[in-house]
Amino acid sequence: MSTHRDRATGTPAVAAGPPDEYVEAEIQRLLAEDPAVAEQGITVVLRERGLMLYGEVESPHRREEILRRVAERFPDVPVTSDIGVIRAQAPTEVEELP
């Protein structure tokens, strides 16, 4: 994989082409270390032509923020999402046990 520095920001940018394990690790690190995301429950899996994000988050907004951050940082990497939304509120009904 080749990298170059973005002239505007000075940050490394990933060259176009199929992703590799380095891009996979970069996205995993972004999700865990970015203070706006700080998500360790998302798994990044390398596929033949792109990356797949698996996991669960507490809201559709959080899922969209994760996908936006990844697309913003890696615009040339094809990413497919299988991120579900879990219920984060207390149950509204009483559970009856036998």
PDB file of N, CA and C in Angstrom:
ATOM      1  N   MET A   1       0.841  -1.169   0.000  1.00  0.00           N
ATOM      2  CA  MET A   1       0.000   0.000   0.000  1.00  0.00           C
ATOM      3  C   MET A   1       0.882   1.225   0.000  1.00  0.00           C
ATOM      4  N   SER A   2       0.543   2.197  -0.813  1.00  0.00           N
ATOM      5  CA  SER A   2       1.319   3.424  -0.819  1.00  0.00           C
ATOM      6  C   SER A   2       0.554   4.504  -0.073  1.00  0.00           C
ATOM      7  N   THR A   3       1.302   5.361   0.606  1.00  0.00           N
ATOM      8  CA  THR A   3       0.681   6.479   1.308  1.00  0.00           C
ATOM      9  C   THR A   3       1.384   7.756   0.896  1.00  0.00           C
ATOM     10  N   HIS A   4       0.668   8.849   1.025  1.00  0.00           N
ATOM     11  CA  HIS A   4       1.269  10.155   0.809  1.00  0.00           C
ATOM     12  C   HIS A   4       0.654  11.118   1.805  1.00  0.00           C
ATOM     13  N   ARG A   5       1.232  12.278   1.956  1.00  0.00           N
ATOM     14  CA  ARG A   5       0.718  13.265   2.890  1.00  0.00           C
ATOM     15  C   ARG A   5      -0.223  14.215   2.164  1.00  0.00           C
ATOM     16  N   ASP A   6      -1.357  14.475   2.803  1.00  0.00           N
ATOM     17  CA  ASP A   6      -2.306  15.442   2.291  1.00  0.00           C
ATOM     18  C   ASP A   6      -1.677  16.829   2.430  1.00  0.00           C
ATOM     19  N   ARG A   7      -1.617  17.589   1.342  1.00  0.00           N
ATOM     20  CA  ARG A   7      -0.953  18.893   1.387  1.00  0.00           C
ATOM     21  C   ARG A   7      -1.659  19.876   2.311  1.00  0.00           C
ATOM     22  N   ALA A   8      -2.966  19.809   2.384  1.00  0.00           N
ATOM     23  CA  ALA A   8      -3.716  20.757   3.207  1.00  0.00           C
ATOM     24  C   ALA A   8      -3.546  20.488   4.700  1.00  0.00           C
ATOM     25  N   THR A   9      -3.578  19.213   5.090  1.00  0.00           N
ATOM     26  CA  THR A   9      -3.555  18.881   6.515  1.00  0.00           C
ATOM     27  C   THR A   9      -2.232  18.308   6.982  1.00  0.00           C
ATOM     28  N   GLY A  10      -1.425  17.798   6.046  1.00  0.00           N
ATOM     29  CA  GLY A  10      -0.159  17.182   6.429  1.00  0.00           C
ATOM     30  C   GLY A  10      -0.311  15.776   6.975  1.00  0.00           C
ATOM     31  N   THR A  11      -1.540  15.241   6.982  1.00  0.00           N
ATOM     32  CA  THR A  11      -1.776  13.898   7.498  1.00  0.00           C
ATOM     33  C   THR A  11      -1.612  12.885   6.375  1.00  0.00           C
ATOM     34  N   PRO A  12      -1.196  11.666   6.724  1.00  0.00           N
ATOM     35  CA  PRO A  12      -1.069  10.647   5.679  1.00  0.00           C
ATOM     36  C   PRO A  12      -2.433  10.346   5.065  1.00  0.00           C
ATOM     37  N   ALA A  13      -2.457  10.173   3.774  1.00  0.00           N
ATOM     38  CA  ALA A  13      -3.679   9.804   3.065  1.00  0.00           C
ATOM     39  C   ALA A  13      -3.434   8.481   2.369  1.00  0.00           C
ATOM     40  N   VAL A  14      -4.450   7.645   2.300  1.00  0.00           N
ATOM     41  CA  VAL A  14      -4.318   6.322   1.701  1.00  0.00           C
ATOM     42  C   VAL A  14      -4.573   6.421   0.209  1.00  0.00           C
ATOM     43  N   ALA A  15      -3.716   5.806  -0.565  1.00  0.00           N
ATOM     44  CA  ALA A  15      -3.883   5.806  -2.019  1.00  0.00           C
ATOM     45  C   ALA A  15      -5.044   4.902  -2.411  1.00  0.00           C
ATOM     46  N   ALA A  16      -5.629   5.181  -3.569  1.00  0.00           N
ATOM     47  CA  ALA A  16      -6.751   4.380  -4.055  1.00  0.00           C
ATOM     48  C   ALA A  16      -6.295   2.968  -4.357  1.00  0.00           C
ATOM     49  N   GLY A  17      -7.216   2.039  -4.293  1.00  0.00           N
ATOM     50  CA  GLY A  17      -6.908   0.643  -4.542  1.00  0.00           C
ATOM     51  C   GLY A  17      -7.576  -0.211  -3.489  1.00  0.00           C
ATOM     52  N   PRO A  18      -7.502  -1.517  -3.645  1.00  0.00           N
ATOM     53  CA  PRO A  18      -8.135  -2.385  -2.667  1.00  0.00           C
ATOM     54  C   PRO A  18      -7.498  -2.189  -1.295  1.00  0.00           C
ATOM     55  N   PRO A  19      -8.309  -2.218  -0.254  1.00  0.00           N
ATOM     56  CA  PRO A  19      -7.749  -2.040   1.086  1.00  0.00           C
ATOM     57  C   PRO A  19      -6.913  -3.253   1.485  1.00  0.00           C
ATOM     58  N   ASP A  20      -6.036  -3.050   2.436  1.00  0.00           N
ATOM     59  CA  ASP A  20      -5.251  -4.155   2.965  1.00  0.00           C
ATOM     60  C   ASP A  20      -5.334  -4.140   4.479  1.00  0.00           C
ATOM     61  N   GLU A  21      -4.560  -5.010   5.129  1.00  0.00           N
ATOM     62  CA  GLU A  21      -4.649  -5.126   6.579  1.00  0.00           C
ATOM     63  C   GLU A  21      -4.209  -3.856   7.302  1.00  0.00           C
ATOM     64  N   TYR A  22      -3.409  -3.016   6.652  1.00  0.00           N
ATOM     65  CA  TYR A  22      -3.007  -1.754   7.271  1.00  0.00           C
ATOM     66  C   TYR A  22      -4.188  -0.787   7.348  1.00  0.00           C
ATOM     67  N   VAL A  23      -4.990  -0.736   6.299  1.00  0.00           N
ATOM     68  CA  VAL A  23      -6.181   0.109   6.312  1.00  0.00           C
ATOM     69  C   VAL A  23      -7.167  -0.418   7.344  1.00  0.00           C
ATOM     70  N   GLU A  24      -7.304  -1.723   7.402  1.00  0.00           N
ATOM     71  CA  GLU A  24      -8.174  -2.351   8.395  1.00  0.00           C
ATOM     72  C   GLU A  24      -7.767  -1.924   9.807  1.00  0.00           C
ATOM     73  N   ALA A  25      -6.483  -1.966  10.096  1.00  0.00           N
ATOM     74  CA  ALA A  25      -5.978  -1.576  11.417  1.00  0.00           C
ATOM     75  C   ALA A  25      -6.147  -0.081  11.663  1.00  0.00           C
ATOM     76  N   GLU A  26      -5.949   0.736  10.638  1.00  0.00           N
ATOM     77  CA  GLU A  26      -6.123   2.186  10.767  1.00  0.00           C
ATOM     78  C   GLU A  26      -7.567   2.529  11.131  1.00  0.00           C
ATOM     79  N   ILE A  27      -8.523   1.868  10.483  1.00  0.00           N
ATOM     80  CA  ILE A  27      -9.939   2.126  10.777  1.00  0.00           C
ATOM     81  C   ILE A  27     -10.265   1.662  12.188  1.00  0.00           C
ATOM     82  N   GLN A  28      -9.763   0.502  12.586  1.00  0.00           N
ATOM     83  CA  GLN A  28      -9.995   0.014  13.948  1.00  0.00           C
ATOM     84  C   GLN A  28      -9.442   1.006  14.967  1.00  0.00           C
ATOM     85  N   ARG A  29      -8.267   1.538  14.697  1.00  0.00           N
ATOM     86  CA  ARG A  29      -7.651   2.515  15.596  1.00  0.00           C
ATOM     87  C   ARG A  29      -8.466   3.811  15.619  1.00  0.00           C
ATOM     88  N   LEU A  30      -8.925   4.260  14.449  1.00  0.00           N
ATOM     89  CA  LEU A  30      -9.764   5.463  14.382  1.00  0.00           C
ATOM     90  C   LEU A  30     -11.001   5.309  15.249  1.00  0.00           C
ATOM     91  N   LEU A  31     -11.667   4.172  15.132  1.00  0.00           N
ATOM     92  CA  LEU A  31     -12.893   3.948  15.902  1.00  0.00           C
ATOM     93  C   LEU A  31     -12.636   3.920  17.404  1.00  0.00           C
ATOM     94  N   ALA A  32     -11.516   3.367  17.808  1.00  0.00           N
ATOM     95  CA  ALA A  32     -11.210   3.255  19.235  1.00  0.00           C
ATOM     96  C   ALA A  32     -10.640   4.543  19.824  1.00  0.00           C
ATOM     97  N   GLU A  33      -9.836   5.289  19.053  1.00  0.00           N
ATOM     98  CA  GLU A  33      -9.102   6.422  19.613  1.00  0.00           C
ATOM     99  C   GLU A  33      -9.718   7.787  19.349  1.00  0.00           C
ATOM    100  N   ASP A  34     -10.595   7.913  18.371  1.00  0.00           N
ATOM    101  CA  ASP A  34     -11.233   9.199  18.096  1.00  0.00           C
ATOM    102  C   ASP A  34     -12.182   9.521  19.253  1.00  0.00           C
ATOM    103  N   PRO A  35     -11.968  10.646  19.965  1.00  0.00           N
ATOM    104  CA  PRO A  35     -12.814  10.964  21.125  1.00  0.00           C
ATOM    105  C   PRO A  35     -14.293  11.115  20.776  1.00  0.00           C
ATOM    106  N   ALA A  36     -14.605  11.499  19.551  1.00  0.00           N
ATOM    107  CA  ALA A  36     -16.006  11.651  19.149  1.00  0.00           C
ATOM    108  C   ALA A  36     -16.685  10.308  18.917  1.00  0.00           C
ATOM    109  N   VAL A  37     -15.888   9.249  18.727  1.00  0.00           N
ATOM    110  CA  VAL A  37     -16.445   7.920  18.469  1.00  0.00           C
ATOM    111  C   VAL A  37     -16.170   6.998  19.645  1.00  0.00           C
ATOM    112  N   ALA A  38     -14.897   6.791  19.971  1.00  0.00           N
ATOM    113  CA  ALA A  38     -14.464   5.937  21.085  1.00  0.00           C
ATOM    114  C   ALA A  38     -15.258   4.631  21.142  1.00  0.00           C
ATOM    115  N   GLU A  39     -15.291   3.934  20.028  1.00  0.00           N
ATOM    116  CA  GLU A  39     -16.087   2.711  19.904  1.00  0.00           C
ATOM    117  C   GLU A  39     -15.186   1.507  19.738  1.00  0.00           C
ATOM    118  N   GLN A  40     -15.202   0.606  20.725  1.00  0.00           N
ATOM    119  CA  GLN A  40     -14.392  -0.602  20.649  1.00  0.00           C
ATOM    120  C   GLN A  40     -15.205  -1.823  20.266  1.00  0.00           C
ATOM    121  N   GLY A  41     -16.521  -1.660  20.156  1.00  0.00           N
ATOM    122  CA  GLY A  41     -17.382  -2.790  19.854  1.00  0.00           C
ATOM    123  C   GLY A  41     -17.624  -3.016  18.369  1.00  0.00           C
ATOM    124  N   ILE A  42     -16.900  -2.320  17.511  1.00  0.00           N
ATOM    125  CA  ILE A  42     -17.057  -2.493  16.068  1.00  0.00           C
ATOM    126  C   ILE A  42     -15.875  -3.289  15.541  1.00  0.00           C
ATOM    127  N   THR A  43     -16.166  -4.324  14.785  1.00  0.00           N
ATOM    128  CA  THR A  43     -15.138  -5.166  14.185  1.00  0.00           C
ATOM    129  C   THR A  43     -14.981  -4.784  12.716  1.00  0.00           C
ATOM    130  N   VAL A  44     -13.748  -4.630  12.289  1.00  0.00           N
ATOM    131  CA  VAL A  44     -13.445  -4.304  10.891  1.00  0.00           C
ATOM    132  C   VAL A  44     -12.879  -5.555  10.243  1.00  0.00           C
ATOM    133  N   VAL A  45     -13.522  -6.011   9.152  1.00  0.00           N
ATOM    134  CA  VAL A  45     -13.111  -7.239   8.483  1.00  0.00           C
ATOM    135  C   VAL A  45     -12.749  -6.918   7.038  1.00  0.00           C
ATOM    136  N   LEU A  46     -11.573  -7.358   6.631  1.00  0.00           N
ATOM    137  CA  LEU A  46     -11.101  -7.167   5.268  1.00  0.00           C
ATOM    138  C   LEU A  46     -11.794  -8.163   4.352  1.00  0.00           C
ATOM    139  N   ARG A  47     -12.403  -7.646   3.299  1.00  0.00           N
ATOM    140  CA  ARG A  47     -13.030  -8.469   2.268  1.00  0.00           C
ATOM    141  C   ARG A  47     -12.241  -8.299   0.972  1.00  0.00           C
ATOM    142  N   GLU A  48     -12.602  -9.038  -0.041  1.00  0.00           N
ATOM    143  CA  GLU A  48     -11.868  -9.004  -1.314  1.00  0.00           C
ATOM    144  C   GLU A  48     -11.797  -7.605  -1.921  1.00  0.00           C
ATOM    145  N   ARG A  49     -12.906  -6.885  -1.910  1.00  0.00           N
ATOM    146  CA  ARG A  49     -12.932  -5.574  -2.571  1.00  0.00           C
ATOM    147  C   ARG A  49     -13.228  -4.423  -1.627  1.00  0.00           C
ATOM    148  N   GLY A  50     -13.199  -4.640  -0.353  1.00  0.00           N
ATOM    149  CA  GLY A  50     -13.503  -3.565   0.581  1.00  0.00           C
ATOM    150  C   GLY A  50     -13.463  -4.055   2.012  1.00  0.00           C
ATOM    151  N   LEU A  51     -14.035  -3.250   2.883  1.00  0.00           N
ATOM    152  CA  LEU A  51     -14.070  -3.579   4.301  1.00  0.00           C
ATOM    153  C   LEU A  51     -15.504  -3.664   4.774  1.00  0.00           C
ATOM    154  N   MET A  52     -15.738  -4.524   5.764  1.00  0.00           N
ATOM    155  CA  MET A  52     -17.054  -4.676   6.363  1.00  0.00           C
ATOM    156  C   MET A  52     -16.939  -4.286   7.828  1.00  0.00           C
ATOM    157  N   LEU A  53     -17.862  -3.445   8.295  1.00  0.00           N
ATOM    158  CA  LEU A  53     -17.911  -3.068   9.701  1.00  0.00           C
ATOM    159  C   LEU A  53     -19.064  -3.822  10.352  1.00  0.00           C
ATOM    160  N   TYR A  54     -18.754  -4.576  11.419  1.00  0.00           N
ATOM    161  CA  TYR A  54     -19.754  -5.343  12.164  1.00  0.00           C
ATOM    162  C   TYR A  54     -19.830  -4.819  13.587  1.00  0.00           C
ATOM    163  N   GLY A  55     -20.990  -4.944  14.200  1.00  0.00           N
ATOM    164  CA  GLY A  55     -21.121  -4.611  15.612  1.00  0.00           C
ATOM    165  C   GLY A  55     -22.475  -4.013  15.909  1.00  0.00           C
ATOM    166  N   GLU A  56     -22.600  -3.491  17.128  1.00  0.00           N
ATOM    167  CA  GLU A  56     -23.839  -2.863  17.557  1.00  0.00           C
ATOM    168  C   GLU A  56     -23.519  -1.576  18.288  1.00  0.00           C
ATOM    169  N   VAL A  57     -24.372  -0.581  18.087  1.00  0.00           N
ATOM    170  CA  VAL A  57     -24.253   0.704  18.761  1.00  0.00           C
ATOM    171  C   VAL A  57     -25.607   1.057  19.362  1.00  0.00           C
ATOM    172  N   GLU A  58     -25.640   2.127  20.183  1.00  0.00           N
ATOM    173  CA  GLU A  58     -26.876   2.427  20.900  1.00  0.00           C
ATOM    174  C   GLU A  58     -27.863   3.321  20.153  1.00  0.00           C
ATOM    175  N   SER A  59     -27.480   3.872  18.991  1.00  0.00           N
ATOM    176  CA  SER A  59     -28.429   4.718  18.268  1.00  0.00           C
ATOM    177  C   SER A  59     -28.083   4.774  16.778  1.00  0.00           C
ATOM    178  N   PRO A  60     -29.106   5.053  15.962  1.00  0.00           N
ATOM    179  CA  PRO A  60     -28.841   5.236  14.531  1.00  0.00           C
ATOM    180  C   PRO A  60     -27.899   6.420  14.286  1.00  0.00           C
ATOM    181  N   HIS A  61     -28.003   7.458  15.120  1.00  0.00           N
ATOM    182  CA  HIS A  61     -27.117   8.619  14.973  1.00  0.00           C
ATOM    183  C   HIS A  61     -25.654   8.217  15.169  1.00  0.00           C
ATOM    184  N   ARG A  62     -25.398   7.380  16.157  1.00  0.00           N
ATOM    185  CA  ARG A  62     -24.024   6.935  16.424  1.00  0.00           C
ATOM    186  C   ARG A  62     -23.492   6.114  15.243  1.00  0.00           C
ATOM    187  N   ARG A  63     -24.336   5.244  14.692  1.00  0.00           N
ATOM    188  CA  ARG A  63     -23.947   4.444  13.534  1.00  0.00           C
ATOM    189  C   ARG A  63     -23.582   5.355  12.360  1.00  0.00           C
ATOM    190  N   GLU A  64     -24.414   6.369  12.098  1.00  0.00           N
ATOM    191  CA  GLU A  64     -24.145   7.297  11.009  1.00  0.00           C
ATOM    192  C   GLU A  64     -22.864   8.095  11.257  1.00  0.00           C
ATOM    193  N   GLU A  65     -22.594   8.464  12.498  1.00  0.00           N
ATOM    194  CA  GLU A  65     -21.369   9.202  12.821  1.00  0.00           C
ATOM    195  C   GLU A  65     -20.129   8.343  12.567  1.00  0.00           C
ATOM    196  N   ILE A  66     -20.203   7.073  12.930  1.00  0.00           N
ATOM    197  CA  ILE A  66     -19.089   6.148  12.677  1.00  0.00           C
ATOM    198  C   ILE A  66     -18.837   6.031  11.181  1.00  0.00           C
ATOM    199  N   LEU A  67     -19.878   5.822  10.411  1.00  0.00           N
ATOM    200  CA  LEU A  67     -19.729   5.675   8.961  1.00  0.00           C
ATOM    201  C   LEU A  67     -19.233   6.968   8.321  1.00  0.00           C
ATOM    202  N   ARG A  68     -19.692   8.112   8.832  1.00  0.00           N
ATOM    203  CA  ARG A  68     -19.235   9.401   8.306  1.00  0.00           C
ATOM    204  C   ARG A  68     -17.752   9.593   8.574  1.00  0.00           C
ATOM    205  N   ARG A  69     -17.306   9.289   9.791  1.00  0.00           N
ATOM    206  CA  ARG A  69     -15.891   9.454  10.142  1.00  0.00           C
ATOM    207  C   ARG A  69     -15.002   8.552   9.284  1.00  0.00           C
ATOM    208  N   VAL A  70     -15.417   7.315   9.090  1.00  0.00           N
ATOM    209  CA  VAL A  70     -14.625   6.384   8.282  1.00  0.00           C
ATOM    210  C   VAL A  70     -14.566   6.864   6.830  1.00  0.00           C
ATOM    211  N   ALA A  71     -15.710   7.271   6.277  1.00  0.00           N
ATOM    212  CA  ALA A  71     -15.744   7.741   4.886  1.00  0.00           C
ATOM    213  C   ALA A  71     -14.939   9.028   4.716  1.00  0.00           C
ATOM    214  N   GLU A  72     -14.964   9.881   5.736  1.00  0.00           N
ATOM    215  CA  GLU A  72     -14.213  11.136   5.679  1.00  0.00           C
ATOM    216  C   GLU A  72     -12.702  10.881   5.691  1.00  0.00           C
ATOM    217  N   ARG A  73     -12.271   9.958   6.522  1.00  0.00           N
ATOM    218  CA  ARG A  73     -10.834   9.672   6.667  1.00  0.00           C
ATOM    219  C   ARG A  73     -10.305   8.780   5.544  1.00  0.00           C
ATOM    220  N   PHE A  74     -11.159   7.879   5.016  1.00  0.00           N
ATOM    221  CA  PHE A  74     -10.760   6.932   3.968  1.00  0.00           C
ATOM    222  C   PHE A  74     -11.761   7.002   2.813  1.00  0.00           C
ATOM    223  N   PRO A  75     -11.775   8.098   2.062  1.00  0.00           N
ATOM    224  CA  PRO A  75     -12.798   8.271   1.022  1.00  0.00           C
ATOM    225  C   PRO A  75     -12.705   7.285  -0.139  1.00  0.00           C
ATOM    226  N   ASP A  76     -11.542   6.691  -0.376  1.00  0.00           N
ATOM    227  CA  ASP A  76     -11.371   5.778  -1.508  1.00  0.00           C
ATOM    228  C   ASP A  76     -11.539   4.307  -1.139  1.00  0.00           C
ATOM    229  N   VAL A  77     -11.867   4.031   0.121  1.00  0.00           N
ATOM    230  CA  VAL A  77     -11.997   2.654   0.575  1.00  0.00           C
ATOM    231  C   VAL A  77     -13.477   2.272   0.585  1.00  0.00           C
ATOM    232  N   PRO A  78     -13.860   1.236  -0.160  1.00  0.00           N
ATOM    233  CA  PRO A  78     -15.257   0.787  -0.125  1.00  0.00           C
ATOM    234  C   PRO A  78     -15.560   0.118   1.213  1.00  0.00           C
ATOM    235  N   VAL A  79     -16.569   0.639   1.907  1.00  0.00           N
ATOM    236  CA  VAL A  79     -16.936   0.129   3.227  1.00  0.00           C
ATOM    237  C   VAL A  79     -18.398  -0.268   3.210  1.00  0.00           C
ATOM    238  N   THR A  80     -18.685  -1.467   3.705  1.00  0.00           N
ATOM    239  CA  THR A  80     -20.045  -1.951   3.860  1.00  0.00           C
ATOM    240  C   THR A  80     -20.327  -2.044   5.347  1.00  0.00           C
ATOM    241  N   SER A  81     -21.527  -1.646   5.756  1.00  0.00           N
ATOM    242  CA  SER A  81     -21.873  -1.620   7.176  1.00  0.00           C
ATOM    243  C   SER A  81     -22.884  -2.704   7.524  1.00  0.00           C
ATOM    244  N   ASP A  82     -22.579  -3.420   8.575  1.00  0.00           N
ATOM    245  CA  ASP A  82     -23.527  -4.337   9.195  1.00  0.00           C
ATOM    246  C   ASP A  82     -23.567  -3.986  10.683  1.00  0.00           C
ATOM    247  N   ILE A  83     -23.724  -2.688  10.953  1.00  0.00           N
ATOM    248  CA  ILE A  83     -23.776  -2.190  12.327  1.00  0.00           C
ATOM    249  C   ILE A  83     -25.237  -2.082  12.730  1.00  0.00           C
ATOM    250  N   GLY A  84     -25.617  -2.834  13.748  1.00  0.00           N
ATOM    251  CA  GLY A  84     -26.982  -2.814  14.240  1.00  0.00           C
ATOM    252  C   GLY A  84     -27.144  -1.835  15.387  1.00  0.00           C
ATOM    253  N   VAL A  85     -28.398  -1.558  15.721  1.00  0.00           N
ATOM    254  CA  VAL A  85     -28.713  -0.661  16.829  1.00  0.00           C
ATOM    255  C   VAL A  85     -29.366  -1.489  17.933  1.00  0.00           C
ATOM    256  N   ILE A  86     -28.777  -1.409  19.132  1.00  0.00           N
ATOM    257  CA  ILE A  86     -29.336  -2.141  20.265  1.00  0.00           C
ATOM    258  C   ILE A  86     -30.217  -1.215  21.095  1.00  0.00           C
ATOM    259  N   ARG A  87     -31.095  -1.792  21.849  1.00  0.00           N
ATOM    260  CA  ARG A  87     -31.962  -1.002  22.718  1.00  0.00           C
ATOM    261  C   ARG A  87     -31.143  -0.538  23.916  1.00  0.00           C
ATOM    262  N   ALA A  88     -31.107   0.769  24.141  1.00  0.00           N
ATOM    263  CA  ALA A  88     -30.320   1.312  25.239  1.00  0.00           C
ATOM    264  C   ALA A  88     -31.196   1.847  26.367  1.00  0.00           C
ATOM    265  N   GLN A  89     -32.515   1.812  26.199  1.00  0.00           N
ATOM    266  CA  GLN A  89     -33.416   2.302  27.240  1.00  0.00           C
ATOM    267  C   GLN A  89     -33.906   1.148  28.107  1.00  0.00           C
ATOM    268  N   ALA A  90     -34.398   1.506  29.265  1.00  0.00           N
ATOM    269  CA  ALA A  90     -34.973   0.500  30.163  1.00  0.00           C
ATOM    270  C   ALA A  90     -36.223  -0.087  29.520  1.00  0.00           C
ATOM    271  N   PRO A  91     -36.506  -1.358  29.797  1.00  0.00           N
ATOM    272  CA  PRO A  91     -37.712  -1.964  29.235  1.00  0.00           C
ATOM    273  C   PRO A  91     -38.966  -1.258  29.746  1.00  0.00           C
ATOM    274  N   THR A  92     -40.008  -1.222  28.911  1.00  0.00           N
ATOM    275  CA  THR A  92     -41.257  -0.572  29.301  1.00  0.00           C
ATOM    276  C   THR A  92     -42.256  -1.574  29.860  1.00  0.00           C
ATOM    277  N   GLU A  93     -41.962  -2.888  29.723  1.00  0.00           N
ATOM    278  CA  GLU A  93     -42.881  -3.915  30.220  1.00  0.00           C
ATOM    279  C   GLU A  93     -42.177  -4.753  31.274  1.00  0.00           C
ATOM    280  N   VAL A  94     -42.978  -5.324  32.158  1.00  0.00           N
ATOM    281  CA  VAL A  94     -42.437  -6.221  33.169  1.00  0.00           C
ATOM    282  C   VAL A  94     -42.303  -7.599  32.545  1.00  0.00           C
ATOM    283  N   GLU A  95     -41.142  -8.217  32.729  1.00  0.00           N
ATOM    284  CA  GLU A  95     -40.919  -9.562  32.197  1.00  0.00           C
ATOM    285  C   GLU A  95     -41.473 -10.575  33.187  1.00  0.00           C
ATOM    286  N   GLU A  96     -42.367 -11.423  32.712  1.00  0.00           N
ATOM    287  CA  GLU A  96     -42.961 -12.487  33.533  1.00  0.00           C
ATOM    288  C   GLU A  96     -42.129 -13.742  33.416  1.00  0.00           C
ATOM    289  N   LEU A  97     -41.617 -14.239  34.532  1.00  0.00           N
ATOM    290  CA  LEU A  97     -40.849 -15.475  34.529  1.00  0.00           C
ATOM    291  C   LEU A  97     -41.722 -16.617  35.023  1.00  0.00           C
ATOM    292  N   PRO A  98     -41.559 -17.821  34.438  1.00  0.00           N
ATOM    293  CA  PRO A  98     -42.405 -18.960  34.850  1.00  0.00           C
ATOM    294  C   PRO A  98     -42.024 -19.459  36.230  1.00  0.00           C
TER     295      PRO A  98
END
